[in-house]
Amino acid sequence: IDFVIVNLYPFFKEVQTDKSFDEKIEFIDIGGPTMLRSAAKSFADVTVICDAEDYTKVREEIESKGETSFETRKRLAGKVFNLTSAYDAAISNFLLNEEYPKYLSLSYEKKFDLRYGENPHQTSAYYVSTTENGSMKNFVQLNGKELSFNNIRDIDIAWKVVGEFDEIACCAVKHSTPCGTAIGEDVFTVYKKAHDSDPVSIFGGIVAINREVDGKIAEELNKIFLEIVIAPSYSEEALGILKNKKNLRVIKCEVPRSQDKFEYIKVDGGILVQETNTKMIEEMKIVTEKQPTEKEKQDMILGMKVVKHVKSNAIVVVKDGTAKGIGTGQTNRIWATIHALEHAKGEGESLEGAVLASDAFFPFRDCVDEAAKYGIKAIVQPGGSMRDQESVDACNEHGISMVFTG
């Protein structure tokens, strides 16, 4: 046998459908992989093809040389094992359905090469799951330059933030960090609030909006330099306006709801796996003498939804449905607190009535004392420190309400 050519049953596609378990089982190909693998092992004498994209190259080589070269047969054999390993991984995950199986089997297919990685000297490519759905799998680019490694990482963060809200929401992201987030009653106002909370950082950033972009917002978006705009839809007028900037990447994406069940972080020689953080607030446990108002509670919820996506140590200051100050990635919590408060204060703006949200407990009372200097009247944090009572006592001294979320 000189050639073995097999197209496998479409398990990748069918496992993502609403078909029953028994129906999906029928799309597990047994004979196909067996023939492919045995032919691939014998590549010295057999040309094996598992990808229709290789038909043309093989035909041209036969027409010009009379046969396929050893190197071509070797490469095609490698493609077989590359495919069947991903195919088997998809089946294994479907049948096992275990959180942490003995062997970590991932099945991803390359969607496209990227211009470069995190830095220009690094190569990069984008892969999507063969078995799971998600917003970043099926987005459509309507305008602009090619996407880079950093672009996709940033739109994923921005889309996840606005996906936290049922309300109209806008999030601006710069260097993988939210720099302005707001919710409200209409899209234009929400974008303006997000922009005005940090008009410096949003320059050259990414803007995500979880509602349709119309002409009025598009005009406003075009007033500054942005890398990317992402939304579920665009009016015809808006798209025409945004396309006036030929390099602006305009992304259309389904309404955001994060579907990832696990997160993977590569370390040297290993990989960390954890379930995705889907919990927000188990309960609002008021631990101080002063009670938060309903308005403060709403801002607390917004603060916790934003701080979830900010690199720790993280503090977010919220006022009137807007994340006014974001302190991110500091090596201690007091620095994050000072950074967020200073930024939220801006040019003499009063923080009276603002809420402070923390992504982790306060190890000392210093963050409470600092917040009091700026007029913060409500704080939300997970709680759980051995020194929780110190922070509670400090809040009582300053007339601040504090909520533990668990």
Protein backbone atom coordinates (compact mmCIF):
# COMPACT_ATOMS: atom_id res chain seq x y z
CA ILE A 1 0.00 0.00 0.00
CA ASP A 2 1.49 3.31 -1.11
CA PHE A 3 -1.11 5.76 0.24
CA VAL A 4 -3.40 5.82 3.25
CA ILE A 5 -5.84 8.74 3.29
CA VAL A 6 -8.40 9.03 6.08
CA ASN A 7 -10.82 11.71 7.22
CA LEU A 8 -11.82 10.97 10.83
CA TYR A 9 -15.37 11.13 12.13
CA PRO A 10 -15.94 14.77 13.26
CA PHE A 11 -15.77 14.15 17.03
CA PHE A 12 -14.27 17.60 17.70
CA LYS A 13 -17.35 19.24 16.22
CA GLU A 14 -20.03 16.86 17.52
CA VAL A 15 -18.82 16.79 21.15
CA GLN A 16 -19.66 20.53 21.37
CA THR A 17 -23.27 20.03 20.26
CA ASP A 18 -26.40 19.33 22.31
CA LYS A 19 -26.52 15.72 21.13
CA SER A 20 -27.01 13.03 23.76
CA PHE A 21 -24.11 11.10 25.29
CA ASP A 22 -24.97 8.00 23.26
CA GLU A 23 -25.14 10.00 20.03
CA LYS A 24 -21.74 11.55 20.68
CA ILE A 25 -20.22 8.12 21.30
CA GLU A 26 -21.06 7.19 17.71
CA PHE A 27 -18.70 9.92 16.46
CA ILE A 28 -15.67 8.30 18.10
CA ASP A 29 -13.66 6.96 15.16
CA ILE A 30 -11.82 3.70 15.89
CA GLY A 31 -10.77 2.27 12.53
CA GLY A 32 -9.63 5.61 11.11
CA PRO A 33 -7.01 6.37 13.80
CA THR A 34 -5.83 2.74 13.71
CA MET A 35 -5.14 2.87 9.97
CA LEU A 36 -3.54 6.30 10.22
CA ARG A 37 -1.24 5.32 13.07
CA SER A 38 -0.11 2.05 11.49
CA ALA A 39 0.56 3.79 8.16
CA ALA A 40 2.40 6.61 9.93
CA LYS A 41 4.71 4.13 11.66
CA SER A 42 5.57 2.76 8.19
CA PHE A 43 6.19 6.21 6.69
CA ALA A 44 9.45 5.01 5.13
CA ASP A 45 7.31 3.25 2.52
CA VAL A 46 3.82 4.74 2.93
CA THR A 47 2.47 8.25 2.33
CA VAL A 48 -0.23 8.93 4.91
CA ILE A 49 -2.58 11.92 4.72
CA CYS A 50 -4.94 13.04 7.49
CA ASP A 51 -5.39 16.68 6.44
CA ALA A 52 -7.10 17.71 3.20
CA GLU A 53 -4.79 20.73 3.03
CA ASP A 54 -1.94 18.36 2.15
CA TYR A 55 -3.60 16.95 -0.98
CA THR A 56 -2.23 19.63 -3.28
CA LYS A 57 1.36 19.46 -2.01
CA VAL A 58 1.46 15.65 -2.31
CA ARG A 59 -0.05 15.71 -5.80
CA GLU A 60 2.44 18.34 -6.98
CA GLU A 61 5.37 16.35 -5.56
CA ILE A 62 4.23 13.15 -7.30
CA GLU A 63 3.74 15.00 -10.60
CA SER A 64 7.19 16.58 -10.45
CA LYS A 65 9.27 13.75 -8.89
CA GLY A 66 7.19 10.63 -9.46
CA GLU A 67 6.89 9.97 -5.72
CA THR A 68 6.86 11.71 -2.36
CA SER A 69 10.15 12.43 -0.60
CA PHE A 70 11.24 10.84 2.67
CA GLU A 71 11.02 14.21 4.42
CA THR A 72 7.45 14.76 3.20
CA ARG A 73 6.37 11.30 4.34
CA LYS A 74 8.04 11.87 7.73
CA ARG A 75 6.30 15.24 8.17
CA LEU A 76 2.92 13.75 7.21
CA ALA A 77 3.45 10.89 9.68
CA GLY A 78 4.17 13.45 12.38
CA LYS A 79 0.92 15.23 11.52
CA VAL A 80 -0.95 11.96 12.03
CA PHE A 81 0.28 11.51 15.57
CA ASN A 82 -0.31 15.21 16.24
CA LEU A 83 -3.93 14.80 15.14
CA THR A 84 -4.63 11.46 16.81
CA SER A 85 -3.14 12.61 20.13
CA ALA A 86 -5.50 15.61 20.13
CA TYR A 87 -8.39 13.40 18.98
CA ASP A 88 -7.71 10.89 21.78
CA ALA A 89 -7.35 13.72 24.31
CA ALA A 90 -10.78 15.06 23.36
CA ILE A 91 -12.33 11.60 23.75
CA SER A 92 -10.50 10.97 27.01
CA ASN A 93 -11.74 14.23 28.54
CA PHE A 94 -15.28 13.52 27.33
CA LEU A 95 -15.38 10.05 28.88
CA LEU A 96 -13.38 10.66 32.07
CA ASN A 97 -14.94 14.02 32.93
CA GLU A 98 -12.48 14.28 35.84
CA GLU A 99 -11.18 17.57 37.19
CA TYR A 100 -7.61 16.34 37.62
CA PRO A 101 -6.94 13.08 35.74
CA LYS A 102 -3.60 11.26 36.03
CA TYR A 103 -2.47 12.56 32.64
CA LEU A 104 -3.29 16.09 31.53
CA SER A 105 -4.65 15.77 28.00
CA LEU A 106 -5.38 19.03 26.18
CA SER A 107 -6.83 19.26 22.70
CA TYR A 108 -6.30 22.58 20.90
CA GLU A 109 -6.12 23.49 17.22
CA LYS A 110 -4.10 26.36 15.79
CA LYS A 111 -6.38 29.14 14.61
CA PHE A 112 -3.72 31.45 13.24
CA ASP A 113 -0.17 32.68 13.68
CA LEU A 114 0.26 35.95 15.54
CA ARG A 115 2.46 38.84 14.47
CA TYR A 116 4.70 38.23 17.48
CA GLY A 117 4.55 37.29 21.14
CA GLU A 118 4.68 39.46 24.24
CA ASN A 119 7.83 41.07 22.81
CA PRO A 120 8.60 41.60 19.12
CA HIS A 121 11.45 39.05 19.11
CA GLN A 122 9.14 36.23 20.32
CA THR A 123 7.15 34.10 17.88
CA SER A 124 3.55 33.27 18.77
CA ALA A 125 0.39 31.49 17.63
CA TYR A 126 -3.22 31.32 18.79
CA TYR A 127 -4.92 28.00 19.54
CA VAL A 128 -8.58 27.29 20.33
CA SER A 129 -10.13 24.34 22.10
CA THR A 130 -11.46 21.52 19.93
CA THR A 131 -14.02 20.52 22.57
CA GLU A 132 -15.06 23.66 24.49
CA ASN A 133 -16.82 26.84 23.47
CA GLY A 134 -15.98 30.35 24.64
CA SER A 135 -16.05 33.99 23.61
CA MET A 136 -12.43 34.09 22.52
CA LYS A 137 -12.96 31.11 20.22
CA ASN A 138 -15.50 32.61 17.85
CA PHE A 139 -14.89 36.35 17.74
CA VAL A 140 -14.88 38.09 14.35
CA GLN A 141 -12.48 40.88 13.42
CA LEU A 142 -14.27 43.51 11.33
CA ASN A 143 -11.44 46.02 10.88
CA GLY A 144 -7.82 46.77 11.66
CA LYS A 145 -4.37 45.24 11.78
CA GLU A 146 -3.58 41.66 12.70
CA LEU A 147 -3.97 40.74 16.35
CA SER A 148 -0.94 40.21 18.56
CA PHE A 149 -0.35 38.01 21.60
CA ASN A 150 -0.97 40.96 23.95
CA ASN A 151 -4.11 41.99 22.04
CA ILE A 152 -5.85 38.67 22.57
CA ARG A 153 -4.84 38.47 26.21
CA ASP A 154 -6.17 41.99 26.82
CA ILE A 155 -9.50 41.56 25.01
CA ASP A 156 -10.06 38.36 27.01
CA ILE A 157 -9.64 40.31 30.26
CA ALA A 158 -11.80 43.23 29.12
CA TRP A 159 -14.54 40.88 27.88
CA LYS A 160 -14.51 38.91 31.12
CA VAL A 161 -14.92 42.09 33.17
CA VAL A 162 -17.98 43.35 31.25
CA GLY A 163 -19.29 39.78 31.28
CA GLU A 164 -19.57 40.02 35.06
CA PHE A 165 -22.51 42.42 34.67
CA ASP A 166 -26.11 42.09 33.56
CA GLU A 167 -26.21 45.90 33.51
CA ILE A 168 -24.78 47.97 30.67
CA ALA A 169 -21.03 47.91 31.31
CA CYS A 170 -17.83 49.26 29.80
CA CYS A 171 -14.27 48.27 30.67
CA ALA A 172 -11.04 49.79 29.44
CA VAL A 173 -7.89 47.65 29.70
CA LYS A 174 -4.25 48.64 29.35
CA HIS A 175 -1.33 46.25 29.78
CA SER A 176 -3.59 43.41 30.97
CA THR A 177 -5.13 45.56 33.71
CA PRO A 178 -8.55 47.23 33.91
CA CYS A 179 -7.98 50.98 34.00
CA GLY A 180 -11.61 52.13 33.91
CA THR A 181 -14.88 50.30 34.45
CA ALA A 182 -18.42 51.62 34.80
CA ILE A 183 -22.05 50.53 34.72
CA GLY A 184 -25.16 52.60 34.07
CA GLU A 185 -28.39 53.16 32.22
CA ASP A 186 -27.11 54.01 28.71
CA VAL A 187 -24.09 53.02 26.70
CA PHE A 188 -22.76 56.50 25.98
CA THR A 189 -22.78 57.58 29.63
CA VAL A 190 -21.19 54.33 30.73
CA TYR A 191 -18.35 54.72 28.23
CA LYS A 192 -17.78 58.34 29.27
CA LYS A 193 -17.65 57.35 32.95
CA ALA A 194 -15.13 54.59 32.22
CA HIS A 195 -13.03 56.92 30.06
CA ASP A 196 -13.07 59.83 32.49
CA SER A 197 -11.99 57.67 35.44
CA ASP A 198 -8.56 57.33 33.79
CA PRO A 199 -8.24 59.34 30.56
CA VAL A 200 -4.46 58.88 30.57
CA SER A 201 -4.24 55.10 30.75
CA ILE A 202 -7.04 54.43 28.27
CA PHE A 203 -4.89 55.97 25.50
CA GLY A 204 -3.72 53.09 23.32
CA GLY A 205 -5.87 50.65 25.25
CA ILE A 206 -8.77 48.28 24.69
CA VAL A 207 -12.44 49.18 25.24
CA ALA A 208 -15.08 46.49 25.78
CA ILE A 209 -18.80 47.28 25.86
CA ASN A 210 -21.43 44.59 26.50
CA ARG A 211 -24.10 46.27 24.35
CA GLU A 212 -24.33 47.39 20.73
CA VAL A 213 -22.09 50.28 19.71
CA ASP A 214 -24.00 53.03 17.89
CA GLY A 215 -22.85 56.03 15.89
CA LYS A 216 -22.77 58.41 18.86
CA ILE A 217 -20.40 56.20 20.85
CA ALA A 218 -18.33 55.44 17.76
CA GLU A 219 -17.71 59.17 17.26
CA GLU A 220 -16.58 59.40 20.88
CA LEU A 221 -14.35 56.34 20.61
CA ASN A 222 -12.62 57.82 17.56
CA LYS A 223 -11.60 60.93 19.49
CA ILE A 224 -8.70 59.06 21.10
CA PHE A 225 -6.17 56.47 19.97
CA LEU A 226 -7.39 52.97 20.82
CA GLU A 227 -5.94 49.60 19.83
CA ILE A 228 -9.18 47.63 19.99
CA VAL A 229 -12.94 48.01 20.44
CA ILE A 230 -14.92 44.87 21.28
CA ALA A 231 -18.72 44.61 21.47
CA PRO A 232 -21.48 42.10 20.65
CA SER A 233 -22.69 44.19 17.69
CA TYR A 234 -22.28 47.49 15.84
CA SER A 235 -24.79 49.63 13.99
CA GLU A 236 -24.05 50.20 10.32
CA GLU A 237 -23.32 53.85 11.08
CA ALA A 238 -20.94 52.95 13.93
CA LEU A 239 -19.00 50.49 11.81
CA GLY A 240 -18.56 53.07 9.08
CA ILE A 241 -17.22 55.60 11.58
CA LEU A 242 -14.84 53.17 13.29
CA LYS A 243 -13.48 51.96 9.94
CA ASN A 244 -12.24 55.48 9.26
CA LYS A 245 -9.32 54.45 11.44
CA LYS A 246 -7.82 51.68 9.30
CA ASN A 247 -5.61 50.27 12.06
CA LEU A 248 -8.28 50.19 14.78
CA ARG A 249 -9.14 46.56 15.45
CA VAL A 250 -12.93 46.23 15.66
CA ILE A 251 -13.99 42.93 17.21
CA LYS A 252 -17.48 41.46 17.22
CA CYS A 253 -18.02 38.85 19.91
CA GLU A 254 -20.98 36.99 21.35
CA VAL A 255 -22.44 38.35 24.60
CA PRO A 256 -19.79 37.67 27.22
CA ARG A 257 -20.22 34.83 29.68
CA SER A 258 -16.98 33.11 30.61
CA GLN A 259 -17.21 29.38 29.92
CA ASP A 260 -13.75 28.25 30.99
CA LYS A 261 -13.86 25.65 33.74
CA PHE A 262 -10.11 25.53 34.38
CA GLU A 263 -7.09 27.80 34.14
CA TYR A 264 -3.60 26.65 33.17
CA ILE A 265 -0.37 28.40 34.10
CA LYS A 266 2.88 27.04 32.68
CA VAL A 267 5.93 26.81 34.92
CA ASP A 268 9.36 25.52 33.97
CA GLY A 269 8.88 21.78 33.52
CA GLY A 270 5.31 21.71 34.79
CA ILE A 271 1.85 23.22 34.60
CA LEU A 272 -0.48 24.49 37.30
CA VAL A 273 -4.18 23.73 36.91
CA GLN A 274 -6.98 25.28 38.92
CA GLU A 275 -10.72 25.62 38.59
CA THR A 276 -11.86 29.00 37.32
CA ASN A 277 -12.85 31.52 39.98
CA THR A 278 -16.62 31.79 39.61
CA LYS A 279 -17.56 32.71 43.17
CA MET A 280 -18.10 36.34 43.96
CA ILE A 281 -19.84 37.00 47.27
CA GLU A 282 -21.09 34.14 49.42
CA GLU A 283 -22.79 36.58 51.78
CA MET A 284 -22.51 40.23 52.74
CA LYS A 285 -21.56 39.88 56.38
CA ILE A 286 -21.63 43.32 58.00
CA VAL A 287 -19.01 43.32 60.78
CA THR A 288 -19.07 46.96 61.88
CA GLU A 289 -21.37 49.18 63.91
CA LYS A 290 -22.11 51.32 60.87
CA GLN A 291 -24.32 49.72 58.19
CA PRO A 292 -23.62 50.29 54.49
CA THR A 293 -26.34 52.00 52.46
CA GLU A 294 -28.00 50.21 49.55
CA LYS A 295 -26.08 52.43 47.14
CA GLU A 296 -22.81 51.52 48.85
CA LYS A 297 -23.71 47.83 48.63
CA GLN A 298 -24.20 48.16 44.87
CA ASP A 299 -20.81 49.84 44.53
CA MET A 300 -19.30 47.10 46.71
CA ILE A 301 -20.54 44.46 44.27
CA LEU A 302 -19.10 46.41 41.34
CA GLY A 303 -15.80 46.77 43.19
CA MET A 304 -15.54 43.04 43.87
CA LYS A 305 -16.36 42.18 40.25
CA VAL A 306 -13.59 44.47 39.01
CA VAL A 307 -10.97 43.64 41.64
CA LYS A 308 -11.38 39.94 40.74
CA HIS A 309 -9.68 40.69 37.41
CA VAL A 310 -6.94 42.96 38.79
CA LYS A 311 -3.50 41.58 39.59
CA SER A 312 -2.94 41.19 43.33
CA ASN A 313 -2.28 42.98 45.57
CA ALA A 314 -5.35 44.77 44.28
CA ILE A 315 -7.59 47.57 45.54
CA VAL A 316 -10.45 49.21 43.65
CA VAL A 317 -12.17 52.44 44.69
CA VAL A 318 -15.74 52.77 43.41
CA LYS A 319 -18.08 55.75 43.40
CA ASP A 320 -21.45 56.12 41.66
CA GLY A 321 -21.12 52.95 39.60
CA THR A 322 -17.60 53.73 38.40
CA ALA A 323 -14.24 52.20 39.33
CA LYS A 324 -12.49 55.52 39.97
CA GLY A 325 -9.17 54.18 41.18
CA ILE A 326 -7.42 50.84 40.62
CA GLY A 327 -4.33 49.85 42.58
CA THR A 328 -2.80 46.80 40.96
CA GLY A 329 0.09 44.38 41.26
CA GLN A 330 1.69 45.91 44.34
CA THR A 331 3.93 43.89 46.62
CA ASN A 332 1.96 44.97 49.68
CA ARG A 333 -1.64 45.96 50.29
CA ILE A 334 -1.01 49.42 51.70
CA TRP A 335 0.79 50.49 48.52
CA ALA A 336 -2.11 49.20 46.44
CA THR A 337 -4.51 51.13 48.70
CA ILE A 338 -2.55 54.39 48.43
CA HIS A 339 -2.23 54.01 44.66
CA ALA A 340 -5.98 53.42 44.19
CA LEU A 341 -7.00 56.26 46.54
CA GLU A 342 -4.60 58.78 45.01
CA HIS A 343 -5.76 57.94 41.53
CA ALA A 344 -9.45 58.02 42.47
CA LYS A 345 -9.03 61.40 44.12
CA GLY A 346 -7.67 62.93 40.94
CA GLU A 347 -7.64 66.70 40.73
CA GLY A 348 -9.30 67.57 44.00
CA GLU A 349 -12.29 65.26 43.54
CA SER A 350 -14.05 64.28 46.75
CA LEU A 351 -14.22 60.59 47.60
CA GLU A 352 -16.98 61.16 50.13
CA GLY A 353 -19.40 58.30 49.69
CA ALA A 354 -16.92 56.13 47.78
CA VAL A 355 -16.40 52.43 48.47
CA LEU A 356 -13.10 50.57 48.70
CA ALA A 357 -12.88 46.92 47.58
CA SER A 358 -9.96 44.60 48.31
CA ASP A 359 -9.21 41.26 46.61
CA ALA A 360 -7.90 39.76 49.86
CA PHE A 361 -8.08 40.37 53.60
CA PHE A 362 -6.28 43.20 55.38
CA PRO A 363 -3.32 41.87 57.40
CA PHE A 364 -3.16 45.15 59.35
CA ARG A 365 -5.41 48.14 60.03
CA ASP A 366 -3.19 50.51 58.01
CA CYS A 367 -5.37 50.25 54.87
CA VAL A 368 -8.45 51.28 56.87
CA ASP A 369 -6.63 54.23 58.41
CA GLU A 370 -5.44 55.32 54.96
CA ALA A 371 -8.93 55.01 53.48
CA ALA A 372 -10.36 57.15 56.28
CA LYS A 373 -8.05 60.02 55.31
CA TYR A 374 -9.74 60.16 51.90
CA GLY A 375 -13.32 60.04 53.16
CA ILE A 376 -14.06 56.38 52.33
CA LYS A 377 -17.20 55.35 54.21
CA ALA A 378 -17.55 51.69 53.22
CA ILE A 379 -15.10 48.83 52.67
CA VAL A 380 -15.65 45.35 51.25
CA GLN A 381 -13.13 42.53 51.56
CA PRO A 382 -13.10 38.73 51.89
CA GLY A 383 -12.06 38.68 55.57
CA GLY A 384 -10.15 35.78 57.09
CA SER A 385 -7.09 37.46 58.62
CA MET A 386 -5.95 36.65 62.15
CA ARG A 387 -6.10 40.42 62.64
CA ASP A 388 -9.59 40.99 61.22
CA GLN A 389 -10.71 42.53 64.50
CA GLU A 390 -8.05 45.25 64.23
CA SER A 391 -9.52 46.36 60.90
CA VAL A 392 -13.07 46.16 62.29
CA ASP A 393 -12.06 48.29 65.31
CA ALA A 394 -10.39 50.82 63.00
CA CYS A 395 -13.57 51.06 60.89
CA ASN A 396 -15.65 51.65 64.03
CA GLU A 397 -13.26 54.40 65.11
CA HIS A 398 -13.52 56.14 61.73
CA GLY A 399 -17.27 55.59 61.20
CA ILE A 400 -16.72 53.28 58.25
CA SER A 401 -18.91 50.29 57.43
CA MET A 402 -17.14 47.05 56.53
CA VAL A 403 -18.49 43.94 54.82
CA PHE A 404 -16.84 40.50 54.69
CA THR A 405 -17.73 38.42 51.62
CA GLY A 406 -16.26 35.07 52.61
